[in-house]
């Protein structure tokens, strides 16, 4: 991590919602999801928020050897967004404690605020992380 990674860092990311990011596409094998309205899925919104946080910090870490992983999400999803709308995600780094990063996040679809909350990420060393993951896989014989 570089010394410049400090609270106050802000980043804005815009993304146009395709049909492939709606509720019926979330788990295509689930008939319950396939029957739901074609609106931006909460699961995909969380992924978009994570993506914005990743993009915010990548210039301040030794990417790709250092990366960040999401560890906690506390985000509301309060309004439906149809495909074709552009969602703007704003993230603000509010705490840096060692490798722990805490963000305030919000998402807006041009009409409504659709999400707001906090997201926690940790800076990891990719090689060490991959090694631990491989050990876990080997421990269960897969």
Foldseek 3Di string as FASTA:
>chain_A
DAPPPFFFQKFKDKDAFALCQFQCNPDVVDVVSVPDDSWHDPVVVVVVLVVRVQVSCVVVDPPPQKGKDWDDDDKAFADTHHGGFMKMKMWTFHDDDPQKTKIWIWIDRVPGTGMTDMTIMGIDGVVVVVVVVVVVCVVVPD
